[in-house]
Amino acid sequence: MFGLSELAIILIVVAAVLAIKKLPELTRSAGKSARILKSEARAARDADEPGTPRVIQGEAVRREDPDPGTGTQDTPRG
């Protein structure tokens, strides 16, 4: 009937036919993964450089009043 080599060839052909349908999806996800890896490597390299200021988006820093006697801070009045 079929030997081991013939069965292996048939399985390879079936796997290739099934893989052709998924090939565009696989290449798209591989490209997306490569872009993410590249941007993360760039961010890690930029973070290692001393002297470059870091900007954190979305944070507001409120400065403290240097002279508490001026009364410019919001204080509850009673």
Protein backbone atom coordinates (compact mmCIF):
# COMPACT_ATOMS: atom_id res chain seq x y z
CA MET A 1 0.00 0.00 0.00
CA PHE A 2 1.68 3.26 1.10
CA GLY A 3 5.13 3.43 2.57
CA LEU A 4 6.33 5.93 5.14
CA SER A 5 7.94 8.21 2.53
CA GLU A 6 4.76 8.42 0.42
CA LEU A 7 2.67 9.18 3.50
CA ALA A 8 5.11 11.93 4.53
CA ILE A 9 4.92 13.51 1.06
CA ILE A 10 1.11 13.48 1.15
CA LEU A 11 1.09 15.10 4.60
CA ILE A 12 3.52 17.81 3.44
CA VAL A 13 1.35 18.58 0.39
CA VAL A 14 -1.81 18.77 2.54
CA ALA A 15 -0.07 21.05 5.06
CA ALA A 16 1.16 23.31 2.23
CA VAL A 17 -2.33 23.58 0.73
CA LEU A 18 -3.85 24.47 4.11
CA ALA A 19 -1.04 26.93 4.90
CA ILE A 20 -1.59 28.90 1.68
CA LYS A 21 -4.97 30.07 2.98
CA LYS A 22 -3.41 31.42 6.18
CA LEU A 23 -0.30 32.93 4.58
CA PRO A 24 -1.54 36.57 4.26
CA GLU A 25 -2.68 36.60 7.89
CA LEU A 26 0.63 35.14 9.06
CA THR A 27 2.71 37.67 7.12
CA ARG A 28 0.55 40.55 8.39
CA SER A 29 0.98 39.51 12.02
CA ALA A 30 4.71 38.94 11.52
CA GLY A 31 5.07 42.46 10.10
CA LYS A 32 3.11 43.95 12.99
CA SER A 33 5.28 42.07 15.48
CA ALA A 34 8.44 43.31 13.77
CA ARG A 35 7.23 46.93 13.93
CA ILE A 36 6.41 46.59 17.63
CA LEU A 37 9.79 45.02 18.36
CA LYS A 38 11.59 47.78 16.45
CA SER A 39 9.75 50.57 18.28
CA GLU A 40 10.37 48.95 21.68
CA ALA A 41 14.08 48.58 20.90
CA ARG A 42 14.23 52.24 19.87
CA ALA A 43 12.45 53.29 23.07
CA ALA A 44 14.81 51.21 25.21
CA ARG A 45 17.85 52.70 23.45
CA ASP A 46 16.52 56.25 23.92
CA ALA A 47 15.81 55.59 27.61
CA ASP A 48 19.42 54.51 28.18
CA GLU A 49 20.86 57.81 26.97
CA PRO A 50 21.51 60.07 29.99
CA GLY A 51 20.78 63.76 29.77
CA THR A 52 17.71 63.49 27.56
CA PRO A 53 14.60 64.82 29.25
CA ARG A 54 11.69 62.46 29.62
CA VAL A 55 8.24 63.77 28.81
CA ILE A 56 5.35 61.89 30.31
CA GLN A 57 2.10 62.68 28.56
CA GLY A 58 -1.03 63.27 30.60
CA GLU A 59 0.53 64.28 33.90
CA ALA A 60 0.08 67.71 35.40
CA VAL A 61 2.46 68.85 38.10
CA ARG A 62 1.20 71.47 40.51
CA ARG A 63 3.88 73.70 41.94
CA GLU A 64 3.89 74.39 45.63
CA ASP A 65 3.70 77.99 46.87
CA PRO A 66 7.20 79.02 48.03
CA ASP A 67 5.82 81.50 50.60
CA PRO A 68 2.85 80.07 52.52
CA GLY A 69 2.16 83.45 54.11
CA THR A 70 0.92 85.06 50.88
CA GLY A 71 -2.39 83.20 50.94
CA THR A 72 -2.40 82.37 47.22
CA GLN A 73 -3.11 78.70 47.71
CA ASP A 74 -6.70 77.47 47.79
CA THR A 75 -7.60 77.17 51.46
CA PRO A 76 -11.07 76.57 52.84
CA ARG A 77 -12.49 79.62 54.53
CA GLY A 78 -14.71 79.16 57.46
